[in-house]
Amino acid sequence: MSEYSLISGAYATVTPAGAFHAATGATDDPGQNLLNALLNMTQTPLMVESELQRLCPQENAAGALELLFRAQEIGWVCGKSESRKAPDLNMERDVPKLLGQLSGEGRALLADAQGFHLANEGFAHEVAEELSVLAADVVTIQQRHRPLVRNNLRINATGWAAVDAAGFGQLGFWPLQISMQTFVLVVAGEPSFNQESFTDLIWWLARRYS
């Protein structure tokens, strides 16, 4: 018998930290698999044993409970008293506003790995086009040097940045892996990812492109 039990009436909700891990973590991480399963749902599910087992098909009942507990303990998942529907966003109308909330300067864009900019808030059109090309180069650099950064240097960092003389990032690039698609979130100034808007972006991307 498992030492863990589900809280009655709790809806499993991915936190901003969980959304970040889902889009940037290792692909063989069981916690990431749970997060991706949640992010592919149309709404946050009521956590009962049958639903949890469906979300964690590789685990037995006790293992699934422990996995959910660890995800909650780390801060990737939390329980809410009400269910929440997946965001239904329009790329041209809604996503730019959401992106602006993720930047301390109100300037951010979303590009794909081929260098095409998909949505932009705050950057001039010509700048957005050039930044998207640069973002594609960052993806190539990250993929080429990931073993050095993560394995040899043991630096668990997923973003790349242009920094000033004091070492503060002025422009950050975060490659996001959504199923088989790679995107890059480009943010000017201080990023502000610890909010619902970031979760909504990853949730929407996961459902749109998975």
C-alpha atoms as a PDB file:
ATOM      1  CA  MET A   1       0.000   0.000   0.000  1.00  0.00           C
ATOM      2  CA  SER A   2       1.250   3.476  -0.903  1.00  0.00           C
ATOM      3  CA  GLU A   3       2.045   5.984   1.815  1.00  0.00           C
ATOM      4  CA  TYR A   4       0.478   8.705  -0.349  1.00  0.00           C
ATOM      5  CA  SER A   5      -3.181   9.480  -0.970  1.00  0.00           C
ATOM      6  CA  LEU A   6      -5.034  11.887  -3.211  1.00  0.00           C
ATOM      7  CA  ILE A   7      -6.694  14.994  -1.787  1.00  0.00           C
ATOM      8  CA  SER A   8     -10.431  14.885  -2.414  1.00  0.00           C
ATOM      9  CA  GLY A   9     -11.767  17.513  -4.813  1.00  0.00           C
ATOM     10  CA  ALA A  10      -8.351  18.722  -6.052  1.00  0.00           C
ATOM     11  CA  TYR A  11      -7.727  19.507  -9.718  1.00  0.00           C
ATOM     12  CA  ALA A  12      -4.139  18.915 -10.873  1.00  0.00           C
ATOM     13  CA  THR A  13      -2.787  22.177 -12.265  1.00  0.00           C
ATOM     14  CA  VAL A  14       0.594  22.714 -13.904  1.00  0.00           C
ATOM     15  CA  THR A  15       2.492  25.612 -12.342  1.00  0.00           C
ATOM     16  CA  PRO A  16       4.746  28.030 -14.277  1.00  0.00           C
ATOM     17  CA  ALA A  17       7.763  26.060 -12.994  1.00  0.00           C
ATOM     18  CA  GLY A  18       6.146  22.870 -14.250  1.00  0.00           C
ATOM     19  CA  ALA A  19       5.405  24.402 -17.637  1.00  0.00           C
ATOM     20  CA  PHE A  20       9.043  25.518 -17.868  1.00  0.00           C
ATOM     21  CA  HIS A  21      10.319  22.043 -17.043  1.00  0.00           C
ATOM     22  CA  ALA A  22       7.903  20.449 -19.501  1.00  0.00           C
ATOM     23  CA  ALA A  23       9.295  22.578 -22.327  1.00  0.00           C
ATOM     24  CA  THR A  24      12.983  22.511 -21.371  1.00  0.00           C
ATOM     25  CA  GLY A  25      13.662  19.325 -19.375  1.00  0.00           C
ATOM     26  CA  ALA A  26      15.121  16.002 -20.458  1.00  0.00           C
ATOM     27  CA  THR A  27      12.820  13.960 -22.667  1.00  0.00           C
ATOM     28  CA  ASP A  28      13.258  10.799 -20.561  1.00  0.00           C
ATOM     29  CA  ASP A  29      12.111  12.431 -17.318  1.00  0.00           C
ATOM     30  CA  PRO A  30       8.978  10.725 -15.880  1.00  0.00           C
ATOM     31  CA  GLY A  31       7.969  14.023 -14.276  1.00  0.00           C
ATOM     32  CA  GLN A  32       8.101  15.720 -17.646  1.00  0.00           C
ATOM     33  CA  ASN A  33       5.937  12.981 -19.134  1.00  0.00           C
ATOM     34  CA  LEU A  34       3.309  13.647 -16.463  1.00  0.00           C
ATOM     35  CA  LEU A  35       3.456  17.387 -17.116  1.00  0.00           C
ATOM     36  CA  ASN A  36       3.128  16.902 -20.863  1.00  0.00           C
ATOM     37  CA  ALA A  37       0.116  14.651 -20.334  1.00  0.00           C
ATOM     38  CA  LEU A  38      -1.530  17.359 -18.222  1.00  0.00           C
ATOM     39  CA  LEU A  39      -0.663  20.053 -20.767  1.00  0.00           C
ATOM     40  CA  ASN A  40      -2.332  18.070 -23.526  1.00  0.00           C
ATOM     41  CA  MET A  41      -5.669  18.036 -21.725  1.00  0.00           C
ATOM     42  CA  THR A  42      -8.557  20.349 -22.514  1.00  0.00           C
ATOM     43  CA  GLN A  43      -8.906  21.282 -18.839  1.00  0.00           C
ATOM     44  CA  THR A  44      -7.281  20.564 -15.509  1.00  0.00           C
ATOM     45  CA  PRO A  45      -8.454  17.121 -14.349  1.00  0.00           C
ATOM     46  CA  LEU A  46      -9.964  16.104 -11.029  1.00  0.00           C
ATOM     47  CA  MET A  47      -7.350  13.891  -9.408  1.00  0.00           C
ATOM     48  CA  VAL A  48      -8.842  10.483  -8.762  1.00  0.00           C
ATOM     49  CA  GLU A  49      -6.900   7.227  -8.980  1.00  0.00           C
ATOM     50  CA  SER A  50      -8.235   6.224 -12.397  1.00  0.00           C
ATOM     51  CA  GLU A  51      -7.320   9.623 -13.897  1.00  0.00           C
ATOM     52  CA  LEU A  52      -3.851   9.568 -12.366  1.00  0.00           C
ATOM     53  CA  GLN A  53      -3.235   6.074 -13.734  1.00  0.00           C
ATOM     54  CA  ARG A  54      -4.270   7.279 -17.197  1.00  0.00           C
ATOM     55  CA  LEU A  55      -1.784  10.154 -16.922  1.00  0.00           C
ATOM     56  CA  CYS A  56       1.019   7.814 -15.776  1.00  0.00           C
ATOM     57  CA  PRO A  57       0.527   4.620 -17.835  1.00  0.00           C
ATOM     58  CA  GLN A  58       4.085   3.414 -17.179  1.00  0.00           C
ATOM     59  CA  GLU A  59       3.618   3.463 -13.394  1.00  0.00           C
ATOM     60  CA  ASN A  60       1.691   1.211 -11.051  1.00  0.00           C
ATOM     61  CA  ALA A  61      -0.771   2.818  -8.631  1.00  0.00           C
ATOM     62  CA  ALA A  62       1.813   3.418  -5.904  1.00  0.00           C
ATOM     63  CA  GLY A  63       4.393   4.712  -8.383  1.00  0.00           C
ATOM     64  CA  ALA A  64       1.911   7.123  -9.935  1.00  0.00           C
ATOM     65  CA  LEU A  65       1.015   8.530  -6.514  1.00  0.00           C
ATOM     66  CA  GLU A  66       4.667   8.975  -5.626  1.00  0.00           C
ATOM     67  CA  LEU A  67       5.388  10.657  -8.975  1.00  0.00           C
ATOM     68  CA  LEU A  68       2.533  13.116  -8.431  1.00  0.00           C
ATOM     69  CA  PHE A  69       3.723  13.781  -4.883  1.00  0.00           C
ATOM     70  CA  ARG A  70       7.279  14.498  -6.080  1.00  0.00           C
ATOM     71  CA  ALA A  71       5.984  16.803  -8.816  1.00  0.00           C
ATOM     72  CA  GLN A  72       3.953  18.694  -6.217  1.00  0.00           C
ATOM     73  CA  GLU A  73       6.879  18.779  -3.773  1.00  0.00           C
ATOM     74  CA  ILE A  74       9.195  20.271  -6.411  1.00  0.00           C
ATOM     75  CA  GLY A  75       6.519  22.811  -7.366  1.00  0.00           C
ATOM     76  CA  TRP A  76       5.650  21.560 -10.843  1.00  0.00           C
ATOM     77  CA  VAL A  77       2.028  20.725 -10.016  1.00  0.00           C
ATOM     78  CA  CYS A  78      -0.442  22.088  -7.485  1.00  0.00           C
ATOM     79  CA  GLY A  79      -3.990  21.217  -6.502  1.00  0.00           C
ATOM     80  CA  LYS A  80      -6.773  23.723  -7.157  1.00  0.00           C
ATOM     81  CA  SER A  81     -10.338  23.638  -5.893  1.00  0.00           C
ATOM     82  CA  GLU A  82     -11.754  24.442  -9.343  1.00  0.00           C
ATOM     83  CA  SER A  83     -11.022  23.152 -12.820  1.00  0.00           C
ATOM     84  CA  ARG A  84      -9.594  25.470 -15.454  1.00  0.00           C
ATOM     85  CA  LYS A  85     -10.015  25.180 -19.212  1.00  0.00           C
ATOM     86  CA  ALA A  86      -7.069  25.207 -21.596  1.00  0.00           C
ATOM     87  CA  PRO A  87      -6.409  28.644 -23.096  1.00  0.00           C
ATOM     88  CA  ASP A  88      -7.894  29.224 -26.536  1.00  0.00           C
ATOM     89  CA  LEU A  89      -5.539  31.795 -28.057  1.00  0.00           C
ATOM     90  CA  ASN A  90      -5.326  33.510 -31.405  1.00  0.00           C
ATOM     91  CA  MET A  91      -1.737  33.783 -32.667  1.00  0.00           C
ATOM     92  CA  GLU A  92      -2.133  37.312 -34.036  1.00  0.00           C
ATOM     93  CA  ARG A  93      -4.470  38.809 -31.434  1.00  0.00           C
ATOM     94  CA  ASP A  94      -3.829  37.063 -28.096  1.00  0.00           C
ATOM     95  CA  VAL A  95      -0.297  35.681 -28.090  1.00  0.00           C
ATOM     96  CA  PRO A  96       1.493  39.063 -28.498  1.00  0.00           C
ATOM     97  CA  LYS A  97      -0.301  40.456 -25.425  1.00  0.00           C
ATOM     98  CA  LEU A  98       0.620  37.372 -23.452  1.00  0.00           C
ATOM     99  CA  LEU A  99       4.257  37.612 -24.562  1.00  0.00           C
ATOM    100  CA  GLY A 100       4.474  41.218 -23.404  1.00  0.00           C
ATOM    101  CA  GLN A 101       3.569  40.114 -19.875  1.00  0.00           C
ATOM    102  CA  LEU A 102       6.648  37.858 -19.764  1.00  0.00           C
ATOM    103  CA  SER A 103       9.133  40.713 -20.184  1.00  0.00           C
ATOM    104  CA  GLY A 104      10.052  43.425 -17.724  1.00  0.00           C
ATOM    105  CA  GLU A 105      10.266  45.782 -20.693  1.00  0.00           C
ATOM    106  CA  GLY A 106       7.111  44.556 -22.409  1.00  0.00           C
ATOM    107  CA  ARG A 107       9.123  43.266 -25.377  1.00  0.00           C
ATOM    108  CA  ALA A 108       9.130  39.584 -26.299  1.00  0.00           C
ATOM    109  CA  LEU A 109       8.667  37.374 -29.324  1.00  0.00           C
ATOM    110  CA  LEU A 110       8.106  33.750 -30.243  1.00  0.00           C
ATOM    111  CA  ALA A 111      10.057  32.225 -33.122  1.00  0.00           C
ATOM    112  CA  ASP A 112      10.494  28.742 -34.531  1.00  0.00           C
ATOM    113  CA  ALA A 113      13.732  26.832 -35.042  1.00  0.00           C
ATOM    114  CA  GLN A 114      13.826  27.799 -38.726  1.00  0.00           C
ATOM    115  CA  GLY A 115      14.109  31.488 -37.909  1.00  0.00           C
ATOM    116  CA  PHE A 116      10.528  32.575 -38.614  1.00  0.00           C
ATOM    117  CA  HIS A 117       8.878  34.851 -36.072  1.00  0.00           C
ATOM    118  CA  LEU A 118       5.395  33.736 -35.084  1.00  0.00           C
ATOM    119  CA  ALA A 119       4.280  36.426 -32.645  1.00  0.00           C
ATOM    120  CA  ASN A 120       5.828  39.654 -31.405  1.00  0.00           C
ATOM    121  CA  GLU A 121       5.151  42.315 -28.811  1.00  0.00           C
ATOM    122  CA  GLY A 122       7.188  45.500 -28.540  1.00  0.00           C
ATOM    123  CA  PHE A 123       9.891  44.870 -31.130  1.00  0.00           C
ATOM    124  CA  ALA A 124       9.914  46.701 -34.461  1.00  0.00           C
ATOM    125  CA  HIS A 125       9.048  44.361 -37.329  1.00  0.00           C
ATOM    126  CA  GLU A 126      12.533  44.454 -38.836  1.00  0.00           C
ATOM    127  CA  VAL A 127      14.134  43.779 -35.443  1.00  0.00           C
ATOM    128  CA  ALA A 128      11.751  40.883 -34.817  1.00  0.00           C
ATOM    129  CA  GLU A 129      12.736  39.336 -38.146  1.00  0.00           C
ATOM    130  CA  GLU A 130      16.451  39.560 -37.331  1.00  0.00           C
ATOM    131  CA  LEU A 131      15.996  38.331 -33.767  1.00  0.00           C
ATOM    132  CA  SER A 132      14.138  35.296 -35.071  1.00  0.00           C
ATOM    133  CA  VAL A 133      17.089  34.387 -37.281  1.00  0.00           C
ATOM    134  CA  LEU A 134      19.402  34.837 -34.298  1.00  0.00           C
ATOM    135  CA  ALA A 135      17.065  32.650 -32.221  1.00  0.00           C
ATOM    136  CA  ALA A 136      17.449  29.831 -34.759  1.00  0.00           C
ATOM    137  CA  ASP A 137      21.241  30.133 -34.417  1.00  0.00           C
ATOM    138  CA  VAL A 138      20.880  29.877 -30.622  1.00  0.00           C
ATOM    139  CA  VAL A 139      18.952  26.614 -31.032  1.00  0.00           C
ATOM    140  CA  THR A 140      21.780  25.216 -33.165  1.00  0.00           C
ATOM    141  CA  ILE A 141      24.395  26.304 -30.616  1.00  0.00           C
ATOM    142  CA  GLN A 142      22.430  24.851 -27.714  1.00  0.00           C
ATOM    143  CA  GLN A 143      21.964  21.491 -29.402  1.00  0.00           C
ATOM    144  CA  ARG A 144      25.622  21.292 -30.426  1.00  0.00           C
ATOM    145  CA  HIS A 145      27.034  22.209 -27.012  1.00  0.00           C
ATOM    146  CA  ARG A 146      24.429  20.711 -24.661  1.00  0.00           C
ATOM    147  CA  PRO A 147      26.763  17.840 -23.604  1.00  0.00           C
ATOM    148  CA  LEU A 148      29.459  20.361 -22.641  1.00  0.00           C
ATOM    149  CA  VAL A 149      27.112  22.629 -20.672  1.00  0.00           C
ATOM    150  CA  ARG A 150      25.005  19.980 -18.923  1.00  0.00           C
ATOM    151  CA  ASN A 151      27.312  16.988 -18.618  1.00  0.00           C
ATOM    152  CA  ASN A 152      30.858  18.381 -18.421  1.00  0.00           C
ATOM    153  CA  LEU A 153      30.218  21.743 -16.754  1.00  0.00           C
ATOM    154  CA  ARG A 154      27.081  20.513 -14.921  1.00  0.00           C
ATOM    155  CA  ILE A 155      25.282  23.779 -15.592  1.00  0.00           C
ATOM    156  CA  ASN A 156      21.536  23.184 -15.550  1.00  0.00           C
ATOM    157  CA  ALA A 157      20.711  26.237 -17.646  1.00  0.00           C
ATOM    158  CA  THR A 158      18.391  26.205 -20.640  1.00  0.00           C
ATOM    159  CA  GLY A 159      18.495  29.863 -21.676  1.00  0.00           C
ATOM    160  CA  TRP A 160      21.135  31.891 -23.482  1.00  0.00           C
ATOM    161  CA  ALA A 161      21.553  35.648 -23.075  1.00  0.00           C
ATOM    162  CA  ALA A 162      23.303  38.805 -24.232  1.00  0.00           C
ATOM    163  CA  VAL A 163      24.665  40.298 -20.984  1.00  0.00           C
ATOM    164  CA  ASP A 164      26.033  43.678 -19.949  1.00  0.00           C
ATOM    165  CA  ALA A 165      29.353  44.402 -18.191  1.00  0.00           C
ATOM    166  CA  ALA A 166      27.841  43.493 -14.820  1.00  0.00           C
ATOM    167  CA  GLY A 167      26.650  40.136 -16.120  1.00  0.00           C
ATOM    168  CA  PHE A 168      22.966  41.027 -16.215  1.00  0.00           C
ATOM    169  CA  GLY A 169      21.011  39.685 -19.164  1.00  0.00           C
ATOM    170  CA  GLN A 170      19.687  42.313 -21.544  1.00  0.00           C
ATOM    171  CA  LEU A 171      18.218  39.895 -24.062  1.00  0.00           C
ATOM    172  CA  GLY A 172      17.392  36.257 -23.322  1.00  0.00           C
ATOM    173  CA  PHE A 173      16.699  33.279 -25.588  1.00  0.00           C
ATOM    174  CA  TRP A 174      14.873  30.193 -24.268  1.00  0.00           C
ATOM    175  CA  PRO A 175      14.515  27.220 -26.648  1.00  0.00           C
ATOM    176  CA  LEU A 176      11.246  25.384 -25.959  1.00  0.00           C
ATOM    177  CA  GLN A 177      10.663  21.790 -27.022  1.00  0.00           C
ATOM    178  CA  ILE A 178       7.002  21.081 -27.715  1.00  0.00           C
ATOM    179  CA  SER A 179       6.629  17.480 -28.881  1.00  0.00           C
ATOM    180  CA  MET A 180       8.737  17.341 -32.069  1.00  0.00           C
ATOM    181  CA  GLN A 181       8.662  21.117 -32.588  1.00  0.00           C
ATOM    182  CA  THR A 182      11.268  23.577 -31.290  1.00  0.00           C
ATOM    183  CA  PHE A 183      10.393  27.195 -30.565  1.00  0.00           C
ATOM    184  CA  VAL A 184      12.383  30.034 -29.056  1.00  0.00           C
ATOM    185  CA  LEU A 185      11.050  32.575 -26.590  1.00  0.00           C
ATOM    186  CA  VAL A 186      13.020  35.831 -26.855  1.00  0.00           C
ATOM    187  CA  VAL A 187      12.639  38.287 -23.969  1.00  0.00           C
ATOM    188  CA  ALA A 188      14.111  41.764 -23.530  1.00  0.00           C
ATOM    189  CA  GLY A 189      15.105  42.771 -20.007  1.00  0.00           C
ATOM    190  CA  GLU A 190      14.176  40.768 -16.941  1.00  0.00           C
ATOM    191  CA  PRO A 191      12.018  37.717 -17.713  1.00  0.00           C
ATOM    192  CA  SER A 192       8.829  37.201 -15.730  1.00  0.00           C
ATOM    193  CA  PHE A 193       7.957  33.533 -16.181  1.00  0.00           C
ATOM    194  CA  ASN A 194       6.554  32.799 -12.726  1.00  0.00           C
ATOM    195  CA  GLN A 195       2.985  33.650 -13.645  1.00  0.00           C
ATOM    196  CA  GLU A 196      -0.091  32.114 -15.201  1.00  0.00           C
ATOM    197  CA  SER A 197       0.613  33.757 -18.559  1.00  0.00           C
ATOM    198  CA  PHE A 198       3.689  31.583 -19.020  1.00  0.00           C
ATOM    199  CA  THR A 199       1.753  28.422 -18.201  1.00  0.00           C
ATOM    200  CA  ASP A 200      -0.931  29.498 -20.672  1.00  0.00           C
ATOM    201  CA  LEU A 201       1.656  29.956 -23.417  1.00  0.00           C
ATOM    202  CA  ILE A 202       3.158  26.491 -22.932  1.00  0.00           C
ATOM    203  CA  TRP A 203      -0.270  24.880 -22.489  1.00  0.00           C
ATOM    204  CA  TRP A 204      -1.527  26.465 -25.688  1.00  0.00           C
ATOM    205  CA  LEU A 205       1.598  25.492 -27.638  1.00  0.00           C
ATOM    206  CA  ALA A 206       1.409  21.927 -26.332  1.00  0.00           C
ATOM    207  CA  ARG A 207      -2.178  21.482 -27.461  1.00  0.00           C
ATOM    208  CA  ARG A 208      -1.647  23.257 -30.770  1.00  0.00           C
ATOM    209  CA  TYR A 209       1.540  21.494 -31.876  1.00  0.00           C
ATOM    210  CA  SER A 210       1.671  18.137 -30.074  1.00  0.00           C
END
